[in-house]
Amino acid sequence: MPLTLAALVQHSALKLGVRAGESGLGATVRWAHVSELADPVPYMEGGELLLTTAMKLDAQDPQEMRRYVRRLAAAGVVGIGFAIGVNYEEIPQPLVDAARAEDLPLLEVPRRTPFLAISKAVSAALAADQYRAVTAGFAAQRELTRAALSEAGPAELITRLAALVHGWAALYDTSGAVVAAAPDWAARRAARLTPDVERLRERPAPASAVVGGSEDRVELQSLGTGRRARGALAVGTAAPLGTAERYAVHSAVALLTLTTERSRSLRDAESRLGAAVLRMLLAGAADQAGAVAGDLYGTLLEAPLRLIVAEPAGPGPAGPQATAALADAVESAAARTGEAVLLVTEEGRLTVLAAAGGAAVRACLEHARATQARRGRDTAGPEPGEPVVGVSAPAAAAGAAVALGQAEQALAVARRRGRPLVGHEDMAAGSVLPLLADDAVRAFADATLHALREHDATGRGDLVASLRAWLSRHGQWDAAAADLGVHRHTLRYRMRRVEEILGRSLDDPDVRMELWLALKATSAPG
């Protein structure tokens, strides 16, 4: 345990006496320093026991002693050791009064006790305390290593760490979700720190931060050796960590980093296997894909699944990070529920096979909602650093190729609509108009209506508006003429002019369909 002034006073060989500041004897001594300067404060760091004979002090001057003691107390000096029988036969009363006024411990050092003996005693005590801390740190490392290698793995390590630091500990995954906490009540406390963990994840690893409030002091440490953190560790205590506790935390960070990096290597191998399984499924070889996958994906290939495709909204360095963050969220959600999921990332494009209605699909939806909420707008398209996602309808493994087509169509619509996510069902249930917001479709529409618009531009009649009204009324002359405020004969004349200018018959349903789509395309949002 740390050396205190009380322990020095109780040291039988030193024979120290206490003349003032008895209530402060519990203070920790960081060092013993000898100084005869009238103002030694510039050379102090705090936590020292100052030893002096008052060679350059007028210890009989009450005002000077008050200033002297006040400066020492403000600098964090924990006590004064005054040698008697050198310059003064006893401690001058003005110094005693000043120390009592500041409640600063004042120790009387007998002539037969050299300052060197006090310095040696402090040094020996500090070395012994450091040795105990290192020994305890090695013991903690062995205990945490056994925990990490146990069947429970990281969860057991977190439990042991919380006991070693006399506080609580929690482990976060790559998405910032709490995956293990000890004691049990700490899970709620750790969950409240998720925003701090997310901010830590944005910094290059390794990174650390100290957070918390009145209830505790929390240290956050990122996990992983790459630039992107693979998780985070939180340790909450009532006071700053001591040396032994610090060793324990550092050991836990190293062990958890090794665990996450080992898991990362396994995930990379699984990803390569998953890519091969996906290629087989898309080639229509579902049976062979199931044989290659073995038990790796459980019953995923036997149940209804959805195929998800995600790509960066635009070029730039933030694009791959966007899909990587989505992959982390999907993988973490699936891991928390024990759900199998197949993820393949190639050149920033993420392809996911997940159980229809499972946690992985819900994670995509939640990620999209969070992206939309963060943007706070509905009309603007996704930013380059945001993923755009397309989701297929539920399908069997044998229908993976069809599902991929659906997901890619949904992805294309999501880009046109400026949405972070579109599902295949959204396309079927929604209006066809957003599908018209395409450059090729607009070019077709402009070319189709160009001659009519040129005619209208000369002021010889509003043929485009008349055509729109007539088509919207399904060719009913009276109703369309009423909408335009013209006589039906005028409208008939205009429609004949449309046929003459375009060289096409309005009696042809295909012509009417193309003209209607051209009109809608030119009014569809871009």
Protein backbone atom coordinates (compact mmCIF):
# COMPACT_ATOMS: atom_id res chain seq x y z
CA MET A 1 0.00 0.00 0.00
CA PRO A 2 1.19 3.59 -0.55
CA LEU A 3 3.50 5.16 2.03
CA THR A 4 1.80 7.69 4.32
CA LEU A 5 3.11 10.25 6.80
CA ALA A 6 1.57 8.16 9.56
CA ALA A 7 3.72 5.20 8.51
CA LEU A 8 6.85 7.36 8.70
CA VAL A 9 5.91 8.60 12.15
CA GLN A 10 5.46 5.01 13.27
CA HIS A 11 8.88 4.03 11.87
CA SER A 12 10.72 3.10 15.08
CA ALA A 13 14.21 4.04 13.82
CA LEU A 14 13.29 7.58 12.79
CA LYS A 15 11.86 8.82 16.10
CA LEU A 16 9.73 11.49 14.43
CA GLY A 17 7.30 13.60 16.45
CA VAL A 18 4.12 15.40 15.33
CA ARG A 19 3.74 19.09 16.25
CA ALA A 20 0.85 20.11 13.94
CA GLY A 21 -1.56 18.85 11.26
CA GLU A 22 -2.41 15.50 12.86
CA SER A 23 -5.48 15.13 10.62
CA GLY A 24 -3.27 15.13 7.52
CA LEU A 25 -1.07 12.19 8.49
CA GLY A 26 -2.98 9.91 6.13
CA ALA A 27 -1.56 11.76 3.10
CA THR A 28 0.50 9.70 0.66
CA VAL A 29 4.21 10.57 0.45
CA ARG A 30 5.58 10.54 -3.10
CA TRP A 31 9.09 11.63 -2.16
CA ALA A 32 11.24 13.27 0.54
CA HIS A 33 13.01 16.44 -0.54
CA VAL A 34 15.60 18.52 1.33
CA SER A 35 15.55 22.27 0.71
CA GLU A 36 16.81 25.31 2.60
CA LEU A 37 15.41 27.77 0.08
CA ALA A 38 13.10 30.49 1.28
CA ASP A 39 10.78 29.53 -1.59
CA PRO A 40 11.26 25.90 -2.73
CA VAL A 41 7.86 25.78 -4.47
CA PRO A 42 9.22 26.08 -8.06
CA TYR A 43 11.04 22.78 -7.50
CA MET A 44 8.07 20.86 -6.12
CA GLU A 45 5.67 18.56 -7.97
CA GLY A 46 3.27 17.82 -5.12
CA GLY A 47 3.18 14.92 -2.69
CA GLU A 48 6.60 15.66 -1.14
CA LEU A 49 7.68 15.68 2.50
CA LEU A 50 9.88 18.80 2.71
CA LEU A 51 12.87 18.45 5.04
CA THR A 52 14.53 21.64 6.30
CA THR A 53 16.69 23.14 9.09
CA ALA A 54 15.44 26.70 8.33
CA MET A 55 18.98 27.79 7.53
CA LYS A 56 17.75 30.65 5.32
CA LEU A 57 14.44 31.26 7.03
CA ASP A 58 13.50 33.61 9.83
CA ALA A 59 11.40 30.99 11.56
CA GLN A 60 10.62 33.39 14.38
CA ASP A 61 8.80 35.80 12.09
CA PRO A 62 5.04 34.92 12.19
CA GLN A 63 4.24 36.75 8.95
CA GLU A 64 7.08 35.10 7.01
CA MET A 65 6.12 31.67 8.37
CA ARG A 66 2.49 32.12 7.33
CA ARG A 67 3.57 32.99 3.79
CA TYR A 68 6.05 30.09 3.71
CA VAL A 69 3.60 27.43 4.91
CA ARG A 70 0.76 28.75 2.78
CA ARG A 71 2.88 28.46 -0.38
CA LEU A 72 3.93 24.91 0.48
CA ALA A 73 0.37 23.81 1.15
CA ALA A 74 -0.82 25.35 -2.12
CA ALA A 75 1.94 23.50 -4.00
CA GLY A 76 0.72 20.14 -2.71
CA VAL A 77 3.49 19.50 -0.18
CA VAL A 78 2.10 16.89 2.22
CA GLY A 79 4.21 17.82 5.25
CA ILE A 80 7.28 19.57 6.71
CA GLY A 81 10.06 17.77 8.53
CA PHE A 82 11.91 20.26 10.74
CA ALA A 83 15.32 19.26 12.18
CA ILE A 84 15.88 20.50 15.74
CA GLY A 85 19.27 20.99 17.35
CA VAL A 86 20.83 22.43 14.18
CA ASN A 87 19.77 26.05 13.66
CA TYR A 88 16.99 25.96 16.25
CA GLU A 89 16.90 23.90 19.45
CA GLU A 90 13.18 23.41 19.00
CA ILE A 91 10.63 24.21 16.34
CA PRO A 92 9.84 27.94 16.53
CA GLN A 93 6.29 28.66 17.64
CA PRO A 94 5.47 30.89 14.63
CA LEU A 95 6.11 27.88 12.32
CA VAL A 96 3.99 25.63 14.52
CA ASP A 97 1.15 28.17 14.50
CA ALA A 98 1.36 28.60 10.71
CA ALA A 99 1.27 24.83 10.13
CA ARG A 100 -1.75 24.47 12.42
CA ALA A 101 -3.52 27.29 10.58
CA GLU A 102 -3.06 25.45 7.25
CA ASP A 103 -3.60 22.01 8.87
CA LEU A 104 -0.30 20.97 7.29
CA PRO A 105 1.53 18.15 9.14
CA LEU A 106 4.68 19.39 10.87
CA LEU A 107 7.09 16.65 11.94
CA GLU A 108 9.88 17.16 14.45
CA VAL A 109 13.12 15.48 13.35
CA PRO A 110 15.56 14.80 16.23
CA ARG A 111 19.22 15.71 15.76
CA ARG A 112 20.29 12.05 15.79
CA THR A 113 18.04 11.31 12.78
CA PRO A 114 19.73 12.51 9.58
CA PHE A 115 17.63 13.58 6.67
CA LEU A 116 19.34 10.84 4.67
CA ALA A 117 17.74 8.23 6.92
CA ILE A 118 14.28 9.66 6.18
CA SER A 119 15.01 9.77 2.43
CA LYS A 120 16.17 6.14 2.52
CA ALA A 121 13.08 5.08 4.43
CA VAL A 122 10.82 6.81 1.90
CA SER A 123 12.75 5.36 -1.04
CA ALA A 124 12.65 1.84 0.41
CA ALA A 125 8.92 2.08 1.08
CA LEU A 126 8.23 3.33 -2.44
CA ALA A 127 10.35 0.57 -3.95
CA ALA A 128 8.55 -2.05 -1.85
CA ASP A 129 5.19 -0.63 -2.92
CA GLN A 130 6.27 -0.70 -6.56
CA TYR A 131 7.47 -4.28 -6.20
CA ARG A 132 4.14 -5.29 -4.69
CA ALA A 133 2.33 -3.58 -7.55
CA VAL A 134 4.45 -5.32 -10.19
CA THR A 135 4.01 -8.67 -8.47
CA ALA A 136 0.27 -8.10 -8.25
CA GLY A 137 0.29 -7.06 -11.90
CA PHE A 138 1.98 -10.29 -12.98
CA ALA A 139 -0.47 -12.28 -10.87
CA ALA A 140 -3.36 -10.39 -12.48
CA GLN A 141 -1.90 -11.09 -15.92
CA ARG A 142 -1.77 -14.82 -15.19
CA GLU A 143 -5.32 -14.77 -13.84
CA LEU A 144 -6.65 -12.84 -16.84
CA THR A 145 -4.80 -15.10 -19.28
CA ARG A 146 -6.44 -18.16 -17.73
CA ALA A 147 -9.79 -16.41 -18.00
CA ALA A 148 -9.22 -15.52 -21.66
CA LEU A 149 -8.38 -19.15 -22.45
CA SER A 150 -11.40 -20.51 -20.58
CA GLU A 151 -14.58 -21.63 -22.29
CA ALA A 152 -16.32 -18.36 -21.39
CA GLY A 153 -13.41 -16.40 -22.92
CA PRO A 154 -13.77 -12.59 -22.93
CA ALA A 155 -16.83 -12.69 -20.65
CA GLU A 156 -14.83 -14.44 -17.91
CA LEU A 157 -11.92 -12.05 -18.45
CA ILE A 158 -14.24 -9.08 -17.90
CA THR A 159 -15.55 -10.65 -14.67
CA ARG A 160 -12.03 -11.18 -13.32
CA LEU A 161 -10.92 -7.68 -14.35
CA ALA A 162 -13.83 -6.04 -12.52
CA ALA A 163 -12.81 -7.86 -9.33
CA LEU A 164 -9.14 -6.92 -9.72
CA VAL A 165 -9.85 -3.18 -10.07
CA HIS A 166 -12.54 -3.22 -7.35
CA GLY A 167 -15.01 -1.68 -9.78
CA TRP A 168 -16.76 -2.68 -12.97
CA ALA A 169 -15.72 -3.54 -16.51
CA ALA A 170 -17.46 -3.87 -19.88
CA LEU A 171 -16.56 -5.03 -23.38
CA TYR A 172 -18.01 -3.39 -26.51
CA ASP A 173 -18.07 -4.81 -30.02
CA THR A 174 -17.28 -2.94 -33.22
CA SER A 175 -20.75 -1.40 -33.37
CA GLY A 176 -20.48 0.02 -29.84
CA ALA A 177 -22.89 -2.50 -28.31
CA VAL A 178 -22.12 -4.01 -24.90
CA VAL A 179 -21.32 -7.72 -25.27
CA ALA A 180 -20.09 -8.45 -21.73
CA ALA A 181 -20.17 -6.60 -18.40
CA ALA A 182 -19.42 -7.36 -14.76
CA PRO A 183 -20.98 -7.17 -12.25
CA ASP A 184 -24.41 -7.66 -13.85
CA TRP A 185 -25.60 -4.15 -12.97
CA ALA A 186 -22.69 -2.66 -14.93
CA ALA A 187 -24.37 -3.46 -18.26
CA ARG A 188 -26.79 -0.54 -17.74
CA ARG A 189 -23.97 1.81 -16.77
CA ALA A 190 -21.89 0.72 -19.75
CA ALA A 191 -24.79 1.16 -22.19
CA ARG A 192 -25.01 4.85 -21.24
CA LEU A 193 -21.43 5.30 -22.46
CA THR A 194 -22.12 4.07 -26.00
CA PRO A 195 -21.85 7.61 -27.50
CA ASP A 196 -18.40 7.98 -25.88
CA VAL A 197 -17.36 4.60 -27.27
CA GLU A 198 -18.54 5.61 -30.76
CA ARG A 199 -16.45 8.79 -30.56
CA LEU A 200 -13.45 6.70 -29.46
CA ARG A 201 -13.95 4.37 -32.45
CA GLU A 202 -13.64 7.32 -34.81
CA ARG A 203 -10.05 7.88 -33.66
CA PRO A 204 -7.16 5.76 -34.99
CA ALA A 205 -6.34 2.83 -32.70
CA PRO A 206 -4.92 2.62 -30.11
CA ALA A 207 -6.92 5.34 -28.43
CA SER A 208 -8.09 6.01 -24.89
CA ALA A 209 -10.30 8.45 -23.01
CA VAL A 210 -11.41 9.18 -19.46
CA VAL A 211 -15.11 9.89 -18.97
CA GLY A 212 -17.65 9.67 -16.19
CA GLY A 213 -19.22 11.96 -13.67
CA SER A 214 -20.00 12.04 -9.99
CA GLU A 215 -20.76 8.32 -9.73
CA ASP A 216 -17.44 6.94 -11.01
CA ARG A 217 -14.36 7.45 -13.14
CA VAL A 218 -14.34 5.46 -16.39
CA GLU A 219 -11.37 4.71 -18.60
CA LEU A 220 -12.10 3.68 -22.20
CA GLN A 221 -9.51 1.79 -24.24
CA SER A 222 -9.83 0.86 -27.92
CA LEU A 223 -9.01 -2.70 -28.98
CA GLY A 224 -7.24 -3.77 -32.15
CA THR A 225 -4.00 -3.21 -34.01
CA GLY A 226 -5.36 -1.66 -37.21
CA ARG A 227 -6.49 1.89 -37.79
CA ARG A 228 -10.09 0.90 -37.09
CA ALA A 229 -10.86 -0.24 -33.57
CA ARG A 230 -12.29 -3.75 -33.32
CA GLY A 231 -13.95 -3.04 -29.99
CA ALA A 232 -13.50 -1.16 -26.73
CA LEU A 233 -12.93 -1.84 -23.04
CA ALA A 234 -14.46 0.27 -20.26
CA VAL A 235 -13.23 0.16 -16.66
CA GLY A 236 -15.11 2.08 -13.98
CA THR A 237 -13.69 2.79 -10.51
CA ALA A 238 -14.37 5.14 -7.64
CA ALA A 239 -10.84 6.62 -7.83
CA PRO A 240 -7.95 6.75 -10.32
CA LEU A 241 -6.33 3.39 -10.96
CA GLY A 242 -3.35 2.39 -8.87
CA THR A 243 -0.21 0.79 -10.27
CA ALA A 244 -1.42 -2.80 -9.80
CA GLU A 245 -4.82 -1.99 -11.28
CA ARG A 246 -3.13 -0.26 -14.20
CA TYR A 247 -1.10 -3.40 -14.92
CA ALA A 248 -4.31 -5.43 -14.86
CA VAL A 249 -6.04 -3.12 -17.34
CA HIS A 250 -3.06 -3.12 -19.71
CA SER A 251 -2.98 -6.93 -19.59
CA ALA A 252 -6.70 -7.08 -20.32
CA VAL A 253 -6.31 -4.74 -23.32
CA ALA A 254 -3.49 -6.89 -24.72
CA LEU A 255 -5.41 -10.15 -24.25
CA LEU A 256 -8.63 -8.77 -25.70
CA THR A 257 -6.74 -7.32 -28.65
CA LEU A 258 -5.19 -10.73 -29.32
CA THR A 259 -8.65 -12.27 -29.09
CA THR A 260 -10.19 -9.78 -31.50
CA GLU A 261 -7.29 -10.07 -33.96
CA ARG A 262 -7.53 -13.87 -33.87
CA SER A 263 -11.27 -13.57 -34.46
CA ARG A 264 -10.55 -11.15 -37.27
CA SER A 265 -8.29 -13.71 -38.98
CA LEU A 266 -11.01 -16.31 -38.65
CA ARG A 267 -13.55 -13.88 -40.07
CA ASP A 268 -11.27 -13.18 -43.04
CA ALA A 269 -11.08 -16.91 -43.73
CA GLU A 270 -14.85 -17.22 -43.37
CA SER A 271 -15.28 -14.28 -45.73
CA ARG A 272 -13.23 -16.01 -48.42
CA LEU A 273 -15.28 -19.17 -47.97
CA GLY A 274 -18.46 -17.11 -47.98
CA ALA A 275 -17.48 -15.51 -51.28
CA ALA A 276 -17.08 -18.97 -52.80
CA VAL A 277 -20.44 -20.11 -51.41
CA LEU A 278 -22.12 -16.99 -52.79
CA ARG A 279 -20.65 -17.52 -56.26
CA MET A 280 -22.00 -21.07 -56.26
CA LEU A 281 -25.45 -19.90 -55.21
CA LEU A 282 -25.53 -17.25 -57.94
CA ALA A 283 -24.47 -19.89 -60.46
CA GLY A 284 -27.47 -22.01 -59.47
CA ALA A 285 -25.42 -24.65 -57.64
CA ALA A 286 -27.28 -24.48 -54.33
CA ASP A 287 -26.53 -28.10 -53.40
CA GLN A 288 -22.80 -27.69 -53.95
CA ALA A 289 -22.87 -24.41 -52.02
CA GLY A 290 -24.50 -26.16 -49.07
CA ALA A 291 -21.87 -28.91 -49.17
CA VAL A 292 -19.00 -26.38 -49.20
CA ALA A 293 -20.54 -24.29 -46.41
CA GLY A 294 -21.00 -27.32 -44.17
CA ASP A 295 -22.09 -26.27 -40.69
CA LEU A 296 -20.50 -22.83 -40.91
CA TYR A 297 -23.76 -21.05 -41.70
CA GLY A 298 -26.07 -23.37 -39.77
CA THR A 299 -29.53 -23.51 -41.31
CA LEU A 300 -29.16 -20.19 -43.15
CA LEU A 301 -29.21 -21.82 -46.59
CA GLU A 302 -32.25 -23.92 -45.68
CA ALA A 303 -34.59 -21.13 -44.54
CA PRO A 304 -36.03 -18.12 -46.41
CA LEU A 305 -33.34 -15.51 -46.76
CA ARG A 306 -32.83 -12.02 -48.09
CA LEU A 307 -29.95 -10.79 -50.17
CA ILE A 308 -28.65 -7.33 -49.28
CA VAL A 309 -26.36 -5.20 -51.44
CA ALA A 310 -24.72 -2.03 -50.13
CA GLU A 311 -22.40 0.40 -51.89
CA PRO A 312 -20.96 3.83 -51.02
CA ALA A 313 -23.18 6.69 -52.11
CA GLY A 314 -20.30 8.30 -53.93
CA PRO A 315 -16.55 8.14 -54.57
CA GLY A 316 -14.01 9.09 -51.94
CA PRO A 317 -12.04 7.63 -49.04
CA ALA A 318 -15.09 7.59 -46.76
CA GLY A 319 -16.96 5.15 -49.05
CA PRO A 320 -15.35 1.85 -47.99
CA GLN A 321 -15.59 2.95 -44.35
CA ALA A 322 -19.33 3.43 -44.79
CA THR A 323 -19.94 -0.14 -45.93
CA ALA A 324 -17.46 -1.44 -43.34
CA ALA A 325 -19.46 0.24 -40.57
CA LEU A 326 -22.65 -1.33 -41.93
CA ALA A 327 -20.95 -4.73 -42.06
CA ASP A 328 -19.89 -4.34 -38.43
CA ALA A 329 -23.45 -3.46 -37.41
CA VAL A 330 -24.92 -6.43 -39.29
CA GLU A 331 -22.32 -8.87 -37.96
CA SER A 332 -22.68 -7.63 -34.36
CA ALA A 333 -26.48 -7.86 -34.47
CA ALA A 334 -26.30 -11.41 -35.81
CA ALA A 335 -23.70 -12.43 -33.21
CA ARG A 336 -25.81 -11.13 -30.32
CA THR A 337 -28.71 -13.36 -31.35
CA GLY A 338 -26.65 -16.34 -32.48
CA GLU A 339 -27.88 -15.87 -36.04
CA ALA A 340 -25.81 -17.09 -38.98
CA VAL A 341 -25.02 -14.52 -41.65
CA LEU A 342 -22.89 -14.54 -44.80
CA LEU A 343 -20.99 -11.31 -45.56
CA VAL A 344 -18.79 -10.67 -48.57
CA THR A 345 -16.96 -7.37 -49.08
CA GLU A 346 -15.27 -6.69 -52.41
CA GLU A 347 -13.90 -3.26 -53.41
CA GLY A 348 -16.23 -1.39 -51.08
CA ARG A 349 -19.34 -3.35 -52.13
CA LEU A 350 -21.01 -5.35 -49.37
CA THR A 351 -23.17 -8.39 -50.15
CA VAL A 352 -25.08 -10.06 -47.32
CA LEU A 353 -27.12 -13.25 -47.14
CA ALA A 354 -29.26 -13.15 -44.00
CA ALA A 355 -32.32 -14.81 -42.58
CA ALA A 356 -35.51 -13.07 -43.72
CA GLY A 357 -36.88 -11.18 -40.74
CA GLY A 358 -33.74 -11.81 -38.68
CA ALA A 359 -31.51 -9.54 -36.63
CA ALA A 360 -29.12 -8.84 -39.51
CA VAL A 361 -31.89 -7.46 -41.74
CA ARG A 362 -33.25 -5.40 -38.84
CA ALA A 363 -29.75 -4.00 -38.30
CA CYS A 364 -29.74 -2.77 -41.92
CA LEU A 365 -33.09 -1.06 -41.40
CA GLU A 366 -31.93 0.54 -38.15
CA HIS A 367 -28.71 1.71 -39.79
CA ALA A 368 -30.76 3.29 -42.59
CA ARG A 369 -33.07 5.02 -40.11
CA ALA A 370 -30.08 6.38 -38.21
CA THR A 371 -28.56 7.66 -41.45
CA GLN A 372 -31.82 9.34 -42.45
CA ALA A 373 -32.22 10.89 -39.00
CA ARG A 374 -28.65 12.15 -39.06
CA ARG A 375 -29.22 13.82 -42.42
CA GLY A 376 -32.50 15.25 -41.22
CA ARG A 377 -33.85 15.64 -44.72
CA ASP A 378 -35.84 13.53 -47.19
CA THR A 379 -35.10 15.05 -50.58
CA ALA A 380 -31.32 15.24 -50.70
CA GLY A 381 -29.38 12.17 -51.75
CA PRO A 382 -26.99 10.26 -49.48
CA GLU A 383 -23.61 11.82 -48.86
CA PRO A 384 -20.41 10.13 -50.15
CA GLY A 385 -19.62 8.79 -46.69
CA GLU A 386 -22.99 7.04 -46.36
CA PRO A 387 -23.97 3.58 -47.66
CA VAL A 388 -26.86 3.00 -50.04
CA VAL A 389 -28.64 -0.33 -49.52
CA GLY A 390 -30.90 -2.54 -51.63
CA VAL A 391 -32.77 -5.48 -50.09
CA SER A 392 -34.36 -8.38 -51.98
CA ALA A 393 -37.64 -10.11 -51.24
CA PRO A 394 -37.50 -13.36 -49.20
CA ALA A 395 -36.16 -16.20 -51.32
CA ALA A 396 -34.83 -19.73 -51.09
CA ALA A 397 -31.12 -20.38 -51.53
CA ALA A 398 -31.83 -21.74 -55.01
CA GLY A 399 -33.27 -18.34 -55.96
CA ALA A 400 -30.17 -16.36 -54.93
CA ALA A 401 -29.54 -15.11 -58.48
CA VAL A 402 -33.06 -13.69 -58.72
CA ALA A 403 -32.71 -12.19 -55.24
CA LEU A 404 -29.45 -10.52 -56.27
CA GLY A 405 -31.20 -8.94 -59.24
CA GLN A 406 -33.96 -7.66 -56.96
CA ALA A 407 -31.44 -6.24 -54.48
CA GLU A 408 -29.50 -4.47 -57.25
CA GLN A 409 -32.72 -3.01 -58.68
CA ALA A 410 -33.65 -1.79 -55.21
CA LEU A 411 -30.16 -0.32 -54.82
CA ALA A 412 -30.54 1.59 -58.09
CA VAL A 413 -33.92 2.95 -56.98
CA ALA A 414 -32.44 3.95 -53.61
CA ARG A 415 -29.83 6.02 -55.43
CA ARG A 416 -32.48 7.70 -57.60
CA ARG A 417 -34.78 8.42 -54.68
CA GLY A 418 -31.98 9.67 -52.46
CA ARG A 419 -32.81 7.06 -49.83
CA PRO A 420 -30.33 5.12 -47.67
CA LEU A 421 -32.31 1.88 -48.16
CA VAL A 422 -34.99 0.52 -50.48
CA GLY A 423 -36.48 -2.97 -50.33
CA HIS A 424 -37.90 -4.94 -53.24
CA GLU A 425 -41.35 -4.73 -51.66
CA ASP A 426 -41.07 -0.93 -51.56
CA MET A 427 -40.60 -0.90 -55.32
CA ALA A 428 -43.66 -3.06 -55.90
CA ALA A 429 -45.86 -1.18 -53.45
CA GLY A 430 -44.74 2.33 -54.37
CA SER A 431 -45.34 4.54 -57.35
CA VAL A 432 -43.55 3.95 -60.65
CA LEU A 433 -42.74 7.64 -60.89
CA PRO A 434 -39.45 7.53 -58.95
CA LEU A 435 -38.25 4.95 -61.47
CA LEU A 436 -38.58 7.58 -64.18
CA ALA A 437 -36.02 9.86 -62.52
CA ASP A 438 -33.22 8.50 -64.67
CA ASP A 439 -31.04 10.35 -67.16
CA ALA A 440 -31.81 7.90 -69.97
CA VAL A 441 -35.56 8.10 -69.34
CA ARG A 442 -35.42 11.90 -69.21
CA ALA A 443 -33.51 11.99 -72.49
CA PHE A 444 -36.19 9.81 -74.10
CA ALA A 445 -38.95 12.05 -72.72
CA ASP A 446 -37.26 15.25 -73.90
CA ALA A 447 -36.78 13.83 -77.38
CA THR A 448 -40.38 12.60 -77.56
CA LEU A 449 -41.89 15.95 -76.57
CA HIS A 450 -39.30 18.21 -78.21
CA ALA A 451 -41.32 18.96 -81.37
CA LEU A 452 -44.46 19.76 -79.37
CA ARG A 453 -42.57 22.10 -77.08
CA GLU A 454 -41.03 23.90 -80.05
CA HIS A 455 -44.52 24.36 -81.46
CA ASP A 456 -45.79 25.77 -78.15
CA ALA A 457 -42.80 28.09 -77.88
CA THR A 458 -43.94 29.93 -81.01
CA GLY A 459 -47.25 30.80 -79.30
CA ARG A 460 -49.39 28.73 -81.70
CA GLY A 461 -51.20 26.76 -79.00
CA ASP A 462 -50.54 24.84 -75.84
CA LEU A 463 -50.25 21.34 -77.27
CA VAL A 464 -48.29 19.82 -74.35
CA ALA A 465 -50.81 20.93 -71.72
CA SER A 466 -53.70 19.85 -73.97
CA LEU A 467 -52.13 16.41 -74.49
CA ARG A 468 -51.60 16.02 -70.73
CA ALA A 469 -55.23 16.92 -69.97
CA TRP A 470 -56.61 14.62 -72.69
CA LEU A 471 -54.51 11.64 -71.57
CA SER A 472 -55.31 12.22 -67.89
CA ARG A 473 -59.04 12.08 -68.81
CA HIS A 474 -58.53 8.83 -70.74
CA GLY A 475 -59.47 10.53 -74.05
CA GLN A 476 -62.79 11.98 -72.81
CA TRP A 477 -63.19 15.13 -74.92
CA ASP A 478 -65.74 17.03 -72.87
CA ALA A 479 -64.00 16.46 -69.50
CA ALA A 480 -60.55 17.33 -70.85
CA ALA A 481 -61.87 20.44 -72.66
CA ALA A 482 -63.53 21.57 -69.44
CA ASP A 483 -60.24 21.17 -67.54
CA LEU A 484 -58.53 23.34 -70.14
CA GLY A 485 -61.40 25.87 -70.43
CA VAL A 486 -61.71 25.44 -74.21
CA HIS A 487 -64.35 24.05 -76.57
CA ARG A 488 -64.11 20.34 -77.36
CA HIS A 489 -63.70 21.12 -81.08
CA THR A 490 -60.62 23.20 -80.18
CA LEU A 491 -59.24 20.26 -78.24
CA ARG A 492 -59.92 17.89 -81.16
CA TYR A 493 -58.02 20.24 -83.45
CA ARG A 494 -55.07 20.32 -81.08
CA MET A 495 -54.89 16.53 -80.81
CA ARG A 496 -54.89 16.28 -84.64
CA ARG A 497 -51.97 18.75 -84.64
CA VAL A 498 -50.15 16.52 -82.07
CA GLU A 499 -50.58 13.55 -84.40
CA GLU A 500 -49.38 15.55 -87.40
CA ILE A 501 -46.31 16.93 -85.62
CA LEU A 502 -45.30 13.60 -84.05
CA GLY A 503 -46.32 11.49 -87.02
CA ARG A 504 -48.02 9.01 -84.71
CA SER A 505 -51.65 8.02 -84.08
CA LEU A 506 -53.20 8.67 -80.68
CA ASP A 507 -55.49 5.70 -81.32
CA ASP A 508 -52.48 3.45 -80.67
CA PRO A 509 -52.41 2.50 -76.93
CA ASP A 510 -48.60 2.11 -77.05
CA VAL A 511 -48.27 5.68 -78.33
CA ARG A 512 -50.55 7.00 -75.59
CA MET A 513 -48.53 5.07 -72.96
CA GLU A 514 -45.21 6.42 -74.22
CA LEU A 515 -46.48 9.99 -74.31
CA TRP A 516 -47.94 9.71 -70.81
CA LEU A 517 -44.67 8.33 -69.43
CA ALA A 518 -42.75 11.08 -71.22
CA LEU A 519 -44.99 13.69 -69.61
CA LYS A 520 -44.60 12.10 -66.17
CA ALA A 521 -40.84 11.71 -66.56
CA THR A 522 -40.38 15.38 -67.29
CA SER A 523 -42.26 16.22 -64.09
CA ALA A 524 -40.67 13.49 -61.90
CA PRO A 525 -38.20 14.68 -59.24
CA GLY A 526 -34.52 14.31 -60.13
